[in-house]
Amino acid sequence: MPFQNELILAASVIVFFGTLVALFRMFGKIGIYAWTVICTIAANIEVLILVHAFGLDTTLGNVLFASSFLATDIMSELFGKKEANRCVKIGIAANIIFIVISQSWFLYVPAEGDTMAEPIRTVFSNTPRVMLSSLFAYVVCEIYDVWAYHFIWEKTEKKFGNKKAFLWLRNNGSTLVSQLINTLLFNILAFAGVFPKDVLVQVLVFGYSIFIVTSILDTPFLYLARRISEKHPEILEK
């Protein structure tokens, strides 16, 4: 099917961001915590897959990981800086626990009739480097993202005297820089020496291009989450 990868990538933005907002609507902050765990673990598995889309080679996982920034921005906007940082800590804990669990599988001796141990080993033997690289990048860029979001918020509120205004600015102003930090740190640490240099450059360029697009597209979902909280204030108590 022509443009299959491109269509799936485009659809995944709506599906992933929409799912996050739906979880928030149903479960409040617990739904955001749950999505953070899901997306950070799944993105680190997905990123092992290299696909060709929009004329360039790129790893998967970019859209899923981008949704983690929407998660912390919703937390920042509706629950405050402390809860946003707690969301980051939950993501860190989930990554560390998954690394330990996935590597413990290799301690077992497969049964003679086993057919899955080797494929699983092939996939998850790269997990420590990828996930440790992702963990380091996640810590740096998410901590920066939460700080920058509230820094921009404080500056605009002080200057214009309106706490609700400029949501789009604090959302994109923090996320675009955070995603650049993430793109450079993660891909260089995880894939330098794994992919040829020209492929790595393509991954960097395309990865950040996706993040630019997703950073802009997640803004309506952040406005939607805030609107939901205004219409259903009881969600903030969940």
Protein backbone atom coordinates (compact mmCIF):
# COMPACT_ATOMS: atom_id res chain seq x y z
CA MET A 1 0.00 0.00 0.00
CA PRO A 2 1.52 3.38 -1.03
CA PHE A 3 2.38 5.67 1.87
CA GLN A 4 1.37 3.01 4.40
CA ASN A 5 4.04 4.02 6.92
CA GLU A 6 3.22 7.69 6.54
CA LEU A 7 -0.50 7.11 7.06
CA ILE A 8 0.08 4.96 10.14
CA LEU A 9 2.43 7.55 11.64
CA ALA A 10 -0.10 10.33 11.05
CA ALA A 11 -2.95 8.27 12.51
CA SER A 12 -0.88 7.30 15.54
CA VAL A 13 -0.57 10.95 16.57
CA ILE A 14 -4.34 11.28 16.88
CA VAL A 15 -4.76 7.85 18.46
CA PHE A 16 -2.01 8.21 21.08
CA PHE A 17 -2.79 11.80 22.08
CA GLY A 18 -6.51 11.05 22.06
CA THR A 19 -6.01 7.97 24.23
CA LEU A 20 -4.06 10.00 26.78
CA VAL A 21 -6.83 12.59 27.03
CA ALA A 22 -9.45 9.82 27.24
CA LEU A 23 -7.56 8.20 30.13
CA PHE A 24 -7.42 11.58 31.86
CA ARG A 25 -11.18 12.01 31.37
CA MET A 26 -11.89 8.57 32.85
CA PHE A 27 -9.32 8.34 35.63
CA GLY A 28 -7.88 11.81 36.25
CA LYS A 29 -4.19 11.99 37.12
CA ILE A 30 -4.05 8.19 37.56
CA GLY A 31 -4.84 7.84 33.86
CA ILE A 32 -1.92 10.12 33.02
CA TYR A 33 0.40 8.10 35.25
CA ALA A 34 -0.77 4.89 33.55
CA TRP A 35 -0.14 6.30 30.08
CA THR A 36 3.32 7.48 31.11
CA VAL A 37 4.27 3.93 32.11
CA ILE A 38 2.79 2.44 28.93
CA CYS A 39 4.32 4.89 26.48
CA THR A 40 7.82 5.01 27.97
CA ILE A 41 8.16 1.22 27.97
CA ALA A 42 6.47 0.65 24.59
CA ALA A 43 8.47 3.43 22.93
CA ASN A 44 11.73 1.81 24.01
CA ILE A 45 10.70 -1.45 22.32
CA GLU A 46 9.28 0.26 19.24
CA VAL A 47 12.45 2.27 18.72
CA LEU A 48 14.32 -0.90 17.75
CA ILE A 49 12.34 -0.95 14.48
CA LEU A 50 13.74 1.06 11.55
CA VAL A 51 11.20 2.13 8.92
CA HIS A 52 11.24 4.25 5.78
CA ALA A 53 8.77 7.12 5.71
CA PHE A 54 8.57 10.55 4.09
CA GLY A 55 11.70 9.74 2.09
CA LEU A 56 13.95 9.03 5.09
CA ASP A 57 14.83 6.16 7.40
CA THR A 58 13.66 6.59 10.97
CA THR A 59 13.16 4.57 14.11
CA LEU A 60 9.68 4.12 15.54
CA GLY A 61 8.80 5.29 19.03
CA ASN A 62 8.96 9.02 18.31
CA VAL A 63 5.20 9.60 18.42
CA LEU A 64 4.73 7.46 21.52
CA PHE A 65 7.57 9.24 23.30
CA ALA A 66 6.17 12.61 22.24
CA SER A 67 2.98 11.75 24.10
CA SER A 68 4.95 11.60 27.35
CA PHE A 69 5.60 15.34 26.97
CA LEU A 70 1.90 15.96 26.53
CA ALA A 71 1.37 13.95 29.72
CA THR A 72 3.72 16.13 31.77
CA ASP A 73 2.29 19.30 30.23
CA ILE A 74 -1.24 18.26 31.23
CA MET A 75 0.08 17.53 34.70
CA SER A 76 1.83 20.89 34.87
CA GLU A 77 -1.21 22.80 33.64
CA LEU A 78 -3.86 21.12 35.78
CA PHE A 79 -2.07 19.66 38.81
CA GLY A 80 1.09 21.73 39.20
CA LYS A 81 4.85 21.33 39.00
CA LYS A 82 5.08 18.80 41.84
CA GLU A 83 2.70 16.36 40.15
CA ALA A 84 4.43 16.85 36.79
CA ASN A 85 7.76 15.91 38.36
CA ARG A 86 6.10 12.93 40.02
CA CYS A 87 4.94 11.82 36.57
CA VAL A 88 8.56 11.96 35.38
CA LYS A 89 9.71 9.91 38.39
CA ILE A 90 7.08 7.26 37.64
CA GLY A 91 8.37 7.03 34.07
CA ILE A 92 11.93 6.62 35.35
CA ALA A 93 10.89 3.89 37.80
CA ALA A 94 8.94 2.05 35.10
CA ASN A 95 11.95 2.04 32.78
CA ILE A 96 14.34 0.75 35.44
CA ILE A 97 11.96 -2.00 36.53
CA PHE A 98 11.37 -3.12 32.96
CA ILE A 99 15.10 -3.30 32.26
CA VAL A 100 15.59 -5.57 35.28
CA ILE A 101 12.61 -7.77 34.40
CA SER A 102 13.50 -8.14 30.71
CA GLN A 103 17.11 -9.04 31.45
CA SER A 104 16.07 -11.60 34.08
CA TRP A 105 14.42 -13.65 31.31
CA PHE A 106 17.85 -14.58 29.97
CA LEU A 107 18.78 -16.31 33.23
CA TYR A 108 16.41 -19.17 32.43
CA VAL A 109 17.44 -22.21 30.37
CA PRO A 110 14.82 -22.68 27.63
CA ALA A 111 13.07 -26.03 27.32
CA GLU A 112 14.09 -28.24 24.43
CA GLY A 113 10.87 -27.56 22.54
CA ASP A 114 10.96 -23.77 23.09
CA THR A 115 10.63 -21.62 19.97
CA MET A 116 10.39 -18.13 21.48
CA ALA A 117 13.46 -17.67 23.68
CA GLU A 118 15.82 -16.88 20.81
CA PRO A 119 13.57 -14.31 19.07
CA ILE A 120 12.93 -12.65 22.43
CA ARG A 121 16.65 -12.66 23.16
CA THR A 122 17.30 -11.05 19.76
CA VAL A 123 14.87 -8.25 20.54
CA PHE A 124 15.74 -7.61 24.16
CA SER A 125 19.49 -8.18 24.02
CA ASN A 126 19.70 -4.58 22.75
CA THR A 127 17.30 -3.36 25.40
CA PRO A 128 19.85 -2.34 28.09
CA ARG A 129 21.74 0.11 25.85
CA VAL A 130 18.57 1.45 24.24
CA MET A 131 16.65 1.78 27.49
CA LEU A 132 19.56 3.20 29.48
CA SER A 133 20.12 5.76 26.70
CA SER A 134 16.41 6.51 26.68
CA LEU A 135 16.34 6.71 30.47
CA PHE A 136 19.17 9.24 30.55
CA ALA A 137 17.62 11.32 27.77
CA TYR A 138 14.19 11.06 29.41
CA VAL A 139 15.48 12.30 32.76
CA VAL A 140 17.32 15.27 31.25
CA CYS A 141 14.69 16.42 28.76
CA GLU A 142 11.62 15.83 30.94
CA ILE A 143 13.10 17.66 33.92
CA TYR A 144 13.96 20.51 31.57
CA ASP A 145 10.48 20.40 30.03
CA VAL A 146 8.71 20.76 33.38
CA TRP A 147 11.08 23.55 34.44
CA ALA A 148 10.73 25.43 31.13
CA TYR A 149 6.93 25.07 31.12
CA HIS A 150 6.61 26.73 34.50
CA PHE A 151 9.33 29.29 33.74
CA ILE A 152 7.45 30.48 30.65
CA TRP A 153 4.17 30.37 32.56
CA GLU A 154 5.52 32.56 35.37
CA LYS A 155 6.98 35.08 32.90
CA THR A 156 3.79 35.44 30.83
CA GLU A 157 1.54 35.59 33.88
CA LYS A 158 3.73 38.28 35.47
CA LYS A 159 3.86 40.33 32.27
CA PHE A 160 0.22 40.05 31.20
CA GLY A 161 -1.53 39.28 34.49
CA ASN A 162 -3.44 36.35 33.04
CA LYS A 163 -2.79 32.85 34.38
CA LYS A 164 -4.70 31.01 31.63
CA ALA A 165 -3.31 32.89 28.62
CA PHE A 166 -0.43 31.72 26.44
CA LEU A 167 -1.01 28.01 27.01
CA TRP A 168 0.20 27.41 23.45
CA LEU A 169 3.44 29.26 24.17
CA ARG A 170 4.41 27.42 27.33
CA ASN A 171 3.42 24.14 25.71
CA ASN A 172 5.44 24.57 22.52
CA GLY A 173 8.18 26.71 24.01
CA SER A 174 9.11 24.01 26.50
CA THR A 175 8.47 20.96 24.34
CA LEU A 176 10.31 21.99 21.18
CA VAL A 177 13.58 22.51 23.06
CA SER A 178 13.04 19.41 25.20
CA GLN A 179 12.50 17.29 22.11
CA LEU A 180 15.70 18.59 20.52
CA ILE A 181 17.63 17.61 23.66
CA ASN A 182 15.95 14.20 23.63
CA THR A 183 16.60 13.59 19.93
CA LEU A 184 20.31 14.33 20.17
CA LEU A 185 20.99 12.56 23.48
CA PHE A 186 18.99 9.40 22.85
CA ASN A 187 19.91 8.68 19.24
CA ILE A 188 23.62 9.36 19.64
CA LEU A 189 23.88 7.31 22.83
CA ALA A 190 21.69 4.45 21.56
CA PHE A 191 22.66 4.15 17.91
CA ALA A 192 26.14 5.58 17.37
CA GLY A 193 28.12 2.68 15.91
CA VAL A 194 24.93 0.66 15.33
CA PHE A 195 23.63 2.53 12.29
CA PRO A 196 25.86 3.91 9.52
CA LYS A 197 26.54 7.63 9.94
CA ASP A 198 24.29 8.65 7.06
CA VAL A 199 21.41 6.62 8.51
CA LEU A 200 22.01 8.09 11.97
CA VAL A 201 21.86 11.62 10.52
CA GLN A 202 18.58 10.72 8.78
CA VAL A 203 17.24 9.37 12.06
CA LEU A 204 18.21 12.58 13.86
CA VAL A 205 16.72 14.87 11.21
CA PHE A 206 13.53 12.89 10.73
CA GLY A 207 13.12 12.20 14.44
CA TYR A 208 13.24 15.87 15.34
CA SER A 209 11.02 16.76 12.39
CA ILE A 210 8.40 14.40 13.78
CA PHE A 211 8.80 15.96 17.21
CA ILE A 212 8.26 19.45 15.76
CA VAL A 213 5.03 18.28 14.17
CA THR A 214 3.84 16.38 17.24
CA SER A 215 4.71 19.30 19.52
CA ILE A 216 2.44 21.54 17.47
CA LEU A 217 -0.30 18.94 17.14
CA ASP A 218 -0.42 18.14 20.85
CA THR A 219 -1.48 21.72 21.69
CA PRO A 220 -5.19 21.21 20.84
CA PHE A 221 -5.19 18.10 23.04
CA LEU A 222 -3.77 20.12 25.93
CA TYR A 223 -6.50 22.74 25.45
CA LEU A 224 -9.03 19.89 25.33
CA ALA A 225 -7.74 18.43 28.60
CA ARG A 226 -8.01 21.83 30.28
CA ARG A 227 -11.53 22.27 28.90
CA ILE A 228 -12.53 18.85 30.23
CA SER A 229 -11.20 19.78 33.67
CA GLU A 230 -13.25 22.99 33.62
CA LYS A 231 -16.46 21.16 32.67
CA HIS A 232 -15.80 18.27 35.04
CA PRO A 233 -13.82 19.67 38.00
CA GLU A 234 -14.34 16.44 39.93
CA ILE A 235 -11.70 14.86 37.68
CA LEU A 236 -9.06 16.92 39.43
CA GLU A 237 -9.91 15.14 42.67
CA LYS A 238 -9.35 11.64 41.29
